[in-house]
Amino acid sequence: MAGYQRKTALAPKEVLAQAEEFLPDMLGLSRSTDSSHSVTYNGAEGIVTLTAHRHGPYTDVVATTDRLRTSRLDYEVQRLLNRMPYEPGDRGGPGSGEPS
């Protein structure tokens, strides 16, 4: 099991919306459970749970998977987290080595 953490300027609702756009398309995962602050996806690639909690101007995002850090699931979860804007005013989006 692997875990990842990211601080972002996005609101929890926006974090979960980005996960909904990214994870099903990239990995063929389906949402199995959700709440206002968390969501779990599962599929052939594995299981990932994201939680997002607001603390002042930032949201703390924690992602846990049921795979090793070297799995495709973990790679895509890291990509998702890295796309989130860190500071207010940041654009976010793909890294410099990724296609748009």
PDB file of N, CA and C in Angstrom:
ATOM      1  N   MET A   1       0.842  -1.179   0.000  1.00  0.00           N
ATOM      2  CA  MET A   1       0.000   0.000   0.000  1.00  0.00           C
ATOM      3  C   MET A   1       0.885   1.239   0.000  1.00  0.00           C
ATOM      4  N   ALA A   2       0.510   2.220  -0.822  1.00  0.00           N
ATOM      5  CA  ALA A   2       1.285   3.441  -0.910  1.00  0.00           C
ATOM      6  C   ALA A   2       0.402   4.631  -0.578  1.00  0.00           C
ATOM      7  N   GLY A   3       1.016   5.694  -0.086  1.00  0.00           N
ATOM      8  CA  GLY A   3       0.292   6.905   0.244  1.00  0.00           C
ATOM      9  C   GLY A   3       1.025   8.129  -0.264  1.00  0.00           C
ATOM     10  N   TYR A   4       0.254   9.139  -0.651  1.00  0.00           N
ATOM     11  CA  TYR A   4       0.791  10.376  -1.196  1.00  0.00           C
ATOM     12  C   TYR A   4       0.028  11.541  -0.591  1.00  0.00           C
ATOM     13  N   GLN A   5       0.713  12.670  -0.435  1.00  0.00           N
ATOM     14  CA  GLN A   5       0.071  13.846   0.134  1.00  0.00           C
ATOM     15  C   GLN A   5       0.446  15.070  -0.694  1.00  0.00           C
ATOM     16  N   ARG A   6      -0.508  15.985  -0.844  1.00  0.00           N
ATOM     17  CA  ARG A   6      -0.283  17.201  -1.639  1.00  0.00           C
ATOM     18  C   ARG A   6      -1.069  18.341  -1.022  1.00  0.00           C
ATOM     19  N   LYS A   7      -0.456  19.502  -0.950  1.00  0.00           N
ATOM     20  CA  LYS A   7      -1.146  20.721  -0.553  1.00  0.00           C
ATOM     21  C   LYS A   7      -1.503  21.456  -1.836  1.00  0.00           C
ATOM     22  N   THR A   8      -2.737  21.953  -1.924  1.00  0.00           N
ATOM     23  CA  THR A   8      -3.173  22.660  -3.131  1.00  0.00           C
ATOM     24  C   THR A   8      -4.060  23.838  -2.769  1.00  0.00           C
ATOM     25  N   ALA A   9      -4.124  24.793  -3.687  1.00  0.00           N
ATOM     26  CA  ALA A   9      -5.001  25.945  -3.513  1.00  0.00           C
ATOM     27  C   ALA A   9      -6.451  25.619  -3.884  1.00  0.00           C
ATOM     28  N   LEU A  10      -6.680  24.467  -4.508  1.00  0.00           N
ATOM     29  CA  LEU A  10      -8.038  24.077  -4.892  1.00  0.00           C
ATOM     30  C   LEU A  10      -8.898  23.774  -3.663  1.00  0.00           C
ATOM     31  N   ALA A  11     -10.192  23.986  -3.803  1.00  0.00           N
ATOM     32  CA  ALA A  11     -11.151  23.589  -2.772  1.00  0.00           C
ATOM     33  C   ALA A  11     -11.343  22.076  -2.843  1.00  0.00           C
ATOM     34  N   PRO A  12     -11.751  21.427  -1.746  1.00  0.00           N
ATOM     35  CA  PRO A  12     -11.972  19.978  -1.779  1.00  0.00           C
ATOM     36  C   PRO A  12     -12.889  19.536  -2.913  1.00  0.00           C
ATOM     37  N   LYS A  13     -13.936  20.283  -3.177  1.00  0.00           N
ATOM     38  CA  LYS A  13     -14.870  19.952  -4.257  1.00  0.00           C
ATOM     39  C   LYS A  13     -14.149  19.931  -5.609  1.00  0.00           C
ATOM     40  N   GLU A  14     -13.235  20.881  -5.829  1.00  0.00           N
ATOM     41  CA  GLU A  14     -12.479  20.945  -7.080  1.00  0.00           C
ATOM     42  C   GLU A  14     -11.483  19.794  -7.196  1.00  0.00           C
ATOM     43  N   VAL A  15     -10.880  19.408  -6.071  1.00  0.00           N
ATOM     44  CA  VAL A  15      -9.958  18.268  -6.051  1.00  0.00           C
ATOM     45  C   VAL A  15     -10.694  17.007  -6.487  1.00  0.00           C
ATOM     46  N   LEU A  16     -11.856  16.776  -5.901  1.00  0.00           N
ATOM     47  CA  LEU A  16     -12.624  15.574  -6.228  1.00  0.00           C
ATOM     48  C   LEU A  16     -13.141  15.617  -7.664  1.00  0.00           C
ATOM     49  N   ALA A  17     -13.443  16.808  -8.161  1.00  0.00           N
ATOM     50  CA  ALA A  17     -13.886  16.943  -9.559  1.00  0.00           C
ATOM     51  C   ALA A  17     -12.739  16.608 -10.513  1.00  0.00           C
ATOM     52  N   GLN A  18     -11.523  17.054 -10.199  1.00  0.00           N
ATOM     53  CA  GLN A  18     -10.375  16.714 -11.036  1.00  0.00           C
ATOM     54  C   GLN A  18     -10.128  15.211 -11.025  1.00  0.00           C
ATOM     55  N   ALA A  19     -10.262  14.586  -9.873  1.00  0.00           N
ATOM     56  CA  ALA A  19     -10.085  13.131  -9.790  1.00  0.00           C
ATOM     57  C   ALA A  19     -11.120  12.427 -10.665  1.00  0.00           C
ATOM     58  N   GLU A  20     -12.346  12.926 -10.666  1.00  0.00           N
ATOM     59  CA  GLU A  20     -13.419  12.324 -11.463  1.00  0.00           C
ATOM     60  C   GLU A  20     -13.143  12.456 -12.957  1.00  0.00           C
ATOM     61  N   GLU A  21     -12.524  13.535 -13.368  1.00  0.00           N
ATOM     62  CA  GLU A  21     -12.177  13.726 -14.780  1.00  0.00           C
ATOM     63  C   GLU A  21     -10.982  12.865 -15.182  1.00  0.00           C
ATOM     64  N   PHE A  22     -10.030  12.699 -14.300  1.00  0.00           N
ATOM     65  CA  PHE A  22      -8.738  12.095 -14.626  1.00  0.00           C
ATOM     66  C   PHE A  22      -8.707  10.574 -14.448  1.00  0.00           C
ATOM     67  N   LEU A  23      -9.092  10.081 -13.289  1.00  0.00           N
ATOM     68  CA  LEU A  23      -8.881   8.662 -12.960  1.00  0.00           C
ATOM     69  C   LEU A  23      -9.714   7.685 -13.793  1.00  0.00           C
ATOM     70  N   PRO A  24     -11.017   7.900 -13.997  1.00  0.00           N
ATOM     71  CA  PRO A  24     -11.761   6.940 -14.824  1.00  0.00           C
ATOM     72  C   PRO A  24     -11.227   6.853 -16.255  1.00  0.00           C
ATOM     73  N   ASP A  25     -10.867   7.994 -16.841  1.00  0.00           N
ATOM     74  CA  ASP A  25     -10.367   7.994 -18.217  1.00  0.00           C
ATOM     75  C   ASP A  25      -8.982   7.360 -18.321  1.00  0.00           C
ATOM     76  N   MET A  26      -8.086   7.708 -17.425  1.00  0.00           N
ATOM     77  CA  MET A  26      -6.703   7.243 -17.513  1.00  0.00           C
ATOM     78  C   MET A  26      -6.554   5.773 -17.136  1.00  0.00           C
ATOM     79  N   LEU A  27      -7.353   5.309 -16.176  1.00  0.00           N
ATOM     80  CA  LEU A  27      -7.146   3.963 -15.645  1.00  0.00           C
ATOM     81  C   LEU A  27      -8.363   3.055 -15.741  1.00  0.00           C
ATOM     82  N   GLY A  28      -9.474   3.552 -16.232  1.00  0.00           N
ATOM     83  CA  GLY A  28     -10.671   2.727 -16.309  1.00  0.00           C
ATOM     84  C   GLY A  28     -11.244   2.381 -14.951  1.00  0.00           C
ATOM     85  N   LEU A  29     -11.047   3.262 -13.988  1.00  0.00           N
ATOM     86  CA  LEU A  29     -11.562   3.022 -12.646  1.00  0.00           C
ATOM     87  C   LEU A  29     -12.996   3.515 -12.527  1.00  0.00           C
ATOM     88  N   SER A  30     -13.738   2.915 -11.619  1.00  0.00           N
ATOM     89  CA  SER A  30     -15.113   3.326 -11.332  1.00  0.00           C
ATOM     90  C   SER A  30     -15.198   3.810  -9.898  1.00  0.00           C
ATOM     91  N   ARG A  31     -15.989   4.845  -9.690  1.00  0.00           N
ATOM     92  CA  ARG A  31     -16.186   5.346  -8.329  1.00  0.00           C
ATOM     93  C   ARG A  31     -17.021   4.338  -7.557  1.00  0.00           C
ATOM     94  N   SER A  32     -16.524   3.939  -6.398  1.00  0.00           N
ATOM     95  CA  SER A  32     -17.267   2.960  -5.608  1.00  0.00           C
ATOM     96  C   SER A  32     -17.923   3.589  -4.382  1.00  0.00           C
ATOM     97  N   THR A  33     -17.282   4.585  -3.788  1.00  0.00           N
ATOM     98  CA  THR A  33     -17.870   5.314  -2.657  1.00  0.00           C
ATOM     99  C   THR A  33     -17.414   6.757  -2.734  1.00  0.00           C
ATOM    100  N   ASP A  34     -18.240   7.652  -2.163  1.00  0.00           N
ATOM    101  CA  ASP A  34     -17.832   9.041  -2.088  1.00  0.00           C
ATOM    102  C   ASP A  34     -18.568   9.752  -0.971  1.00  0.00           C
ATOM    103  N   SER A  35     -18.006  10.882  -0.566  1.00  0.00           N
ATOM    104  CA  SER A  35     -18.624  11.790   0.394  1.00  0.00           C
ATOM    105  C   SER A  35     -18.189  13.193  -0.006  1.00  0.00           C
ATOM    106  N   SER A  36     -18.481  14.171   0.819  1.00  0.00           N
ATOM    107  CA  SER A  36     -18.106  15.538   0.472  1.00  0.00           C
ATOM    108  C   SER A  36     -16.599  15.769   0.549  1.00  0.00           C
ATOM    109  N   HIS A  37     -15.870  14.872   1.223  1.00  0.00           N
ATOM    110  CA  HIS A  37     -14.425  15.051   1.390  1.00  0.00           C
ATOM    111  C   HIS A  37     -13.591  13.865   0.934  1.00  0.00           C
ATOM    112  N   SER A  38     -14.199  12.840   0.386  1.00  0.00           N
ATOM    113  CA  SER A  38     -13.401  11.690  -0.042  1.00  0.00           C
ATOM    114  C   SER A  38     -14.101  10.929  -1.163  1.00  0.00           C
ATOM    115  N   VAL A  39     -13.287  10.151  -1.861  1.00  0.00           N
ATOM    116  CA  VAL A  39     -13.813   9.322  -2.942  1.00  0.00           C
ATOM    117  C   VAL A  39     -12.899   8.105  -3.077  1.00  0.00           C
ATOM    118  N   THR A  40     -13.501   6.967  -3.399  1.00  0.00           N
ATOM    119  CA  THR A  40     -12.740   5.745  -3.651  1.00  0.00           C
ATOM    120  C   THR A  40     -13.092   5.251  -5.045  1.00  0.00           C
ATOM    121  N   TYR A  41     -12.053   4.892  -5.793  1.00  0.00           N
ATOM    122  CA  TYR A  41     -12.200   4.322  -7.128  1.00  0.00           C
ATOM    123  C   TYR A  41     -11.582   2.940  -7.125  1.00  0.00           C
ATOM    124  N   ASN A  42     -12.163   2.020  -7.911  1.00  0.00           N
ATOM    125  CA  ASN A  42     -11.537   0.709  -8.052  1.00  0.00           C
ATOM    126  C   ASN A  42     -11.725   0.202  -9.469  1.00  0.00           C
ATOM    127  N   GLY A  43     -10.881  -0.758  -9.810  1.00  0.00           N
ATOM    128  CA  GLY A  43     -10.906  -1.350 -11.134  1.00  0.00           C
ATOM    129  C   GLY A  43      -9.780  -2.350 -11.266  1.00  0.00           C
ATOM    130  N   ALA A  44      -9.493  -2.757 -12.488  1.00  0.00           N
ATOM    131  CA  ALA A  44      -8.463  -3.764 -12.737  1.00  0.00           C
ATOM    132  C   ALA A  44      -7.082  -3.303 -12.286  1.00  0.00           C
ATOM    133  N   GLU A  45      -6.827  -1.990 -12.313  1.00  0.00           N
ATOM    134  CA  GLU A  45      -5.517  -1.458 -11.912  1.00  0.00           C
ATOM    135  C   GLU A  45      -5.349  -1.400 -10.400  1.00  0.00           C
ATOM    136  N   GLY A  46      -6.454  -1.454  -9.634  1.00  0.00           N
ATOM    137  CA  GLY A  46      -6.357  -1.408  -8.181  1.00  0.00           C
ATOM    138  C   GLY A  46      -7.389  -0.488  -7.573  1.00  0.00           C
ATOM    139  N   ILE A  47      -7.128  -0.083  -6.340  1.00  0.00           N
ATOM    140  CA  ILE A  47      -8.034   0.770  -5.575  1.00  0.00           C
ATOM    141  C   ILE A  47      -7.276   2.008  -5.122  1.00  0.00           C
ATOM    142  N   VAL A  48      -7.903   3.170  -5.260  1.00  0.00           N
ATOM    143  CA  VAL A  48      -7.332   4.422  -4.779  1.00  0.00           C
ATOM    144  C   VAL A  48      -8.407   5.189  -4.019  1.00  0.00           C
ATOM    145  N   THR A  49      -8.019   5.738  -2.874  1.00  0.00           N
ATOM    146  CA  THR A  49      -8.900   6.586  -2.083  1.00  0.00           C
ATOM    147  C   THR A  49      -8.252   7.953  -1.947  1.00  0.00           C
ATOM    148  N   LEU A  50      -9.011   9.000  -2.247  1.00  0.00           N
ATOM    149  CA  LEU A  50      -8.546  10.370  -2.078  1.00  0.00           C
ATOM    150  C   LEU A  50      -9.386  11.048  -1.018  1.00  0.00           C
ATOM    151  N   THR A  51      -8.726  11.767  -0.120  1.00  0.00           N
ATOM    152  CA  THR A  51      -9.422  12.611   0.847  1.00  0.00           C
ATOM    153  C   THR A  51      -8.911  14.027   0.675  1.00  0.00           C
ATOM    154  N   ALA A  52      -9.786  14.995   0.857  1.00  0.00           N
ATOM    155  CA  ALA A  52      -9.426  16.399   0.691  1.00  0.00           C
ATOM    156  C   ALA A  52     -10.073  17.205   1.812  1.00  0.00           C
ATOM    157  N   HIS A  53      -9.234  17.886   2.604  1.00  0.00           N
ATOM    158  CA  HIS A  53      -9.716  18.681   3.733  1.00  0.00           C
ATOM    159  C   HIS A  53      -9.101  20.069   3.680  1.00  0.00           C
ATOM    160  N   ARG A  54      -9.945  21.075   3.802  1.00  0.00           N
ATOM    161  CA  ARG A  54      -9.513  22.465   3.734  1.00  0.00           C
ATOM    162  C   ARG A  54      -8.921  22.883   5.066  1.00  0.00           C
ATOM    163  N   HIS A  55      -7.778  23.581   5.005  1.00  0.00           N
ATOM    164  CA  HIS A  55      -7.114  24.154   6.181  1.00  0.00           C
ATOM    165  C   HIS A  55      -6.669  25.556   5.793  1.00  0.00           C
ATOM    166  N   GLY A  56      -7.470  26.568   6.113  1.00  0.00           N
ATOM    167  CA  GLY A  56      -7.144  27.936   5.725  1.00  0.00           C
ATOM    168  C   GLY A  56      -7.224  28.080   4.214  1.00  0.00           C
ATOM    169  N   PRO A  57      -6.192  28.666   3.595  1.00  0.00           N
ATOM    170  CA  PRO A  57      -6.244  28.881   2.143  1.00  0.00           C
ATOM    171  C   PRO A  57      -5.882  27.646   1.326  1.00  0.00           C
ATOM    172  N   TYR A  58      -5.534  26.555   1.979  1.00  0.00           N
ATOM    173  CA  TYR A  58      -5.071  25.362   1.267  1.00  0.00           C
ATOM    174  C   TYR A  58      -5.936  24.151   1.581  1.00  0.00           C
ATOM    175  N   THR A  59      -5.880  23.183   0.675  1.00  0.00           N
ATOM    176  CA  THR A  59      -6.528  21.897   0.879  1.00  0.00           C
ATOM    177  C   THR A  59      -5.448  20.841   0.960  1.00  0.00           C
ATOM    178  N   ASP A  60      -5.532  20.006   1.976  1.00  0.00           N
ATOM    179  CA  ASP A  60      -4.607  18.887   2.139  1.00  0.00           C
ATOM    180  C   ASP A  60      -5.238  17.673   1.464  1.00  0.00           C
ATOM    181  N   VAL A  61      -4.560  17.141   0.454  1.00  0.00           N
ATOM    182  CA  VAL A  61      -5.056  15.995  -0.309  1.00  0.00           C
ATOM    183  C   VAL A  61      -4.192  14.781   0.037  1.00  0.00           C
ATOM    184  N   VAL A  62      -4.834  13.698   0.421  1.00  0.00           N
ATOM    185  CA  VAL A  62      -4.136  12.446   0.710  1.00  0.00           C
ATOM    186  C   VAL A  62      -4.709  11.372  -0.202  1.00  0.00           C
ATOM    187  N   ALA A  63      -3.821  10.671  -0.893  1.00  0.00           N
ATOM    188  CA  ALA A  63      -4.217   9.571  -1.770  1.00  0.00           C
ATOM    189  C   ALA A  63      -3.547   8.302  -1.286  1.00  0.00           C
ATOM    190  N   THR A  64      -4.314   7.228  -1.146  1.00  0.00           N
ATOM    191  CA  THR A  64      -3.755   5.927  -0.782  1.00  0.00           C
ATOM    192  C   THR A  64      -4.182   4.910  -1.828  1.00  0.00           C
ATOM    193  N   THR A  65      -3.265   4.003  -2.131  1.00  0.00           N
ATOM    194  CA  THR A  65      -3.549   2.947  -3.096  1.00  0.00           C
ATOM    195  C   THR A  65      -3.273   1.594  -2.462  1.00  0.00           C
ATOM    196  N   ASP A  66      -3.761   0.551  -3.117  1.00  0.00           N
ATOM    197  CA  ASP A  66      -3.507  -0.803  -2.638  1.00  0.00           C
ATOM    198  C   ASP A  66      -2.372  -1.461  -3.417  1.00  0.00           C
ATOM    199  N   ARG A  67      -1.582  -0.673  -4.122  1.00  0.00           N
ATOM    200  CA  ARG A  67      -0.498  -1.187  -4.960  1.00  0.00           C
ATOM    201  C   ARG A  67       0.855  -0.696  -4.460  1.00  0.00           C
ATOM    202  N   LEU A  68       1.906  -1.214  -5.097  1.00  0.00           N
ATOM    203  CA  LEU A  68       3.253  -0.751  -4.811  1.00  0.00           C
ATOM    204  C   LEU A  68       3.488   0.575  -5.499  1.00  0.00           C
ATOM    205  N   ARG A  69       4.442   1.324  -5.037  1.00  0.00           N
ATOM    206  CA  ARG A  69       4.746   2.630  -5.619  1.00  0.00           C
ATOM    207  C   ARG A  69       5.161   2.561  -7.084  1.00  0.00           C
ATOM    208  N   THR A  70       5.501   1.403  -7.571  1.00  0.00           N
ATOM    209  CA  THR A  70       5.950   1.255  -8.954  1.00  0.00           C
ATOM    210  C   THR A  70       4.825   0.869  -9.908  1.00  0.00           C
ATOM    211  N   SER A  71       3.588   0.798  -9.435  1.00  0.00           N
ATOM    212  CA  SER A  71       2.472   0.386 -10.287  1.00  0.00           C
ATOM    213  C   SER A  71       2.009   1.535 -11.179  1.00  0.00           C
ATOM    214  N   ARG A  72       1.292   1.193 -12.223  1.00  0.00           N
ATOM    215  CA  ARG A  72       0.711   2.209 -13.110  1.00  0.00           C
ATOM    216  C   ARG A  72      -0.279   3.075 -12.339  1.00  0.00           C
ATOM    217  N   LEU A  73      -1.065   2.465 -11.457  1.00  0.00           N
ATOM    218  CA  LEU A  73      -2.021   3.210 -10.648  1.00  0.00           C
ATOM    219  C   LEU A  73      -1.302   4.303  -9.855  1.00  0.00           C
ATOM    220  N   ASP A  74      -0.222   3.951  -9.203  1.00  0.00           N
ATOM    221  CA  ASP A  74       0.507   4.920  -8.392  1.00  0.00           C
ATOM    222  C   ASP A  74       1.109   6.025  -9.251  1.00  0.00           C
ATOM    223  N   TYR A  75       1.612   5.662 -10.415  1.00  0.00           N
ATOM    224  CA  TYR A  75       2.164   6.661 -11.327  1.00  0.00           C
ATOM    225  C   TYR A  75       1.092   7.676 -11.720  1.00  0.00           C
ATOM    226  N   GLU A  76      -0.092   7.212 -12.082  1.00  0.00           N
ATOM    227  CA  GLU A  76      -1.165   8.115 -12.499  1.00  0.00           C
ATOM    228  C   GLU A  76      -1.697   8.947 -11.338  1.00  0.00           C
ATOM    229  N   VAL A  77      -1.748   8.380 -10.140  1.00  0.00           N
ATOM    230  CA  VAL A  77      -2.172   9.144  -8.968  1.00  0.00           C
ATOM    231  C   VAL A  77      -1.182  10.280  -8.713  1.00  0.00           C
ATOM    232  N   GLN A  78       0.107   9.994  -8.830  1.00  0.00           N
ATOM    233  CA  GLN A  78       1.110  11.045  -8.664  1.00  0.00           C
ATOM    234  C   GLN A  78       0.949  12.133  -9.729  1.00  0.00           C
ATOM    235  N   ARG A  79       0.664  11.736 -10.968  1.00  0.00           N
ATOM    236  CA  ARG A  79       0.425  12.717 -12.038  1.00  0.00           C
ATOM    237  C   ARG A  79      -0.771  13.601 -11.701  1.00  0.00           C
ATOM    238  N   LEU A  80      -1.852  12.993 -11.213  1.00  0.00           N
ATOM    239  CA  LEU A  80      -3.039  13.756 -10.824  1.00  0.00           C
ATOM    240  C   LEU A  80      -2.676  14.797  -9.765  1.00  0.00           C
ATOM    241  N   LEU A  81      -1.979  14.376  -8.734  1.00  0.00           N
ATOM    242  CA  LEU A  81      -1.626  15.301  -7.657  1.00  0.00           C
ATOM    243  C   LEU A  81      -0.712  16.416  -8.148  1.00  0.00           C
ATOM    244  N   ASN A  82       0.222  16.087  -9.015  1.00  0.00           N
ATOM    245  CA  ASN A  82       1.149  17.102  -9.521  1.00  0.00           C
ATOM    246  C   ASN A  82       0.480  18.122 -10.431  1.00  0.00           C
ATOM    247  N   ARG A  83      -0.688  17.802 -10.990  1.00  0.00           N
ATOM    248  CA  ARG A  83      -1.418  18.738 -11.851  1.00  0.00           C
ATOM    249  C   ARG A  83      -2.155  19.805 -11.040  1.00  0.00           C
ATOM    250  N   MET A  84      -2.314  19.603  -9.764  1.00  0.00           N
ATOM    251  CA  MET A  84      -3.069  20.547  -8.939  1.00  0.00           C
ATOM    252  C   MET A  84      -2.214  21.773  -8.622  1.00  0.00           C
ATOM    253  N   PRO A  85      -2.800  22.977  -8.731  1.00  0.00           N
ATOM    254  CA  PRO A  85      -2.038  24.191  -8.431  1.00  0.00           C
ATOM    255  C   PRO A  85      -1.645  24.240  -6.959  1.00  0.00           C
ATOM    256  N   TYR A  86      -0.391  24.604  -6.718  1.00  0.00           N
ATOM    257  CA  TYR A  86       0.126  24.624  -5.353  1.00  0.00           C
ATOM    258  C   TYR A  86      -0.292  25.887  -4.610  1.00  0.00           C
ATOM    259  N   GLU A  87      -0.100  27.032  -5.228  1.00  0.00           N
ATOM    260  CA  GLU A  87      -0.409  28.322  -4.614  1.00  0.00           C
ATOM    261  C   GLU A  87      -1.601  28.968  -5.322  1.00  0.00           C
ATOM    262  N   PRO A  88      -2.342  29.832  -4.625  1.00  0.00           N
ATOM    263  CA  PRO A  88      -3.386  30.595  -5.308  1.00  0.00           C
ATOM    264  C   PRO A  88      -2.764  31.369  -6.475  1.00  0.00           C
ATOM    265  N   GLY A  89      -3.409  31.326  -7.626  1.00  0.00           N
ATOM    266  CA  GLY A  89      -2.895  32.005  -8.806  1.00  0.00           C
ATOM    267  C   GLY A  89      -2.088  31.106  -9.727  1.00  0.00           C
ATOM    268  N   ASP A  90      -1.635  29.950  -9.239  1.00  0.00           N
ATOM    269  CA  ASP A  90      -0.933  28.996 -10.103  1.00  0.00           C
ATOM    270  C   ASP A  90      -1.932  28.433 -11.115  1.00  0.00           C
ATOM    271  N   ARG A  91      -1.427  28.075 -12.291  1.00  0.00           N
ATOM    272  CA  ARG A  91      -2.290  27.503 -13.328  1.00  0.00           C
ATOM    273  C   ARG A  91      -2.582  26.036 -13.099  1.00  0.00           C
ATOM    274  N   GLY A  92      -1.646  25.299 -12.553  1.00  0.00           N
ATOM    275  CA  GLY A  92      -1.814  23.854 -12.456  1.00  0.00           C
ATOM    276  C   GLY A  92      -1.701  23.246 -13.853  1.00  0.00           C
ATOM    277  N   GLY A  93      -2.039  22.018 -13.995  1.00  0.00           N
ATOM    278  CA  GLY A  93      -2.000  21.369 -15.292  1.00  0.00           C
ATOM    279  C   GLY A  93      -0.816  20.426 -15.413  1.00  0.00           C
ATOM    280  N   PRO A  94      -0.592  19.897 -16.603  1.00  0.00           N
ATOM    281  CA  PRO A  94       0.469  18.909 -16.792  1.00  0.00           C
ATOM    282  C   PRO A  94       1.848  19.511 -16.557  1.00  0.00           C
ATOM    283  N   GLY A  95       2.783  18.667 -16.147  1.00  0.00           N
ATOM    284  CA  GLY A  95       4.159  19.095 -15.957  1.00  0.00           C
ATOM    285  C   GLY A  95       4.833  19.361 -17.285  1.00  0.00           C
ATOM    286  N   SER A  96       6.036  19.898 -17.240  1.00  0.00           N
ATOM    287  CA  SER A  96       6.740  20.276 -18.464  1.00  0.00           C
ATOM    288  C   SER A  96       7.073  19.088 -19.357  1.00  0.00           C
ATOM    289  N   GLY A  97       7.155  17.889 -18.805  1.00  0.00           N
ATOM    290  CA  GLY A  97       7.470  16.699 -19.605  1.00  0.00           C
ATOM    291  C   GLY A  97       6.259  15.945 -20.111  1.00  0.00           C
ATOM    292  N   GLU A  98       5.054  16.450 -19.825  1.00  0.00           N
ATOM    293  CA  GLU A  98       3.822  15.770 -20.219  1.00  0.00           C
ATOM    294  C   GLU A  98       3.129  16.485 -21.367  1.00  0.00           C
ATOM    295  N   PRO A  99       2.421  15.730 -22.191  1.00  0.00           N
ATOM    296  CA  PRO A  99       1.586  16.401 -23.201  1.00  0.00           C
ATOM    297  C   PRO A  99       0.428  17.113 -22.511  1.00  0.00           C
ATOM    298  N   SER A 100      -0.057  18.160 -23.104  1.00  0.00           N
ATOM    299  CA  SER A 100      -1.153  18.961 -22.498  1.00  0.00           C
ATOM    300  C   SER A 100      -2.432  18.209 -22.381  1.00  0.00           C
TER     301      SER A 100
END
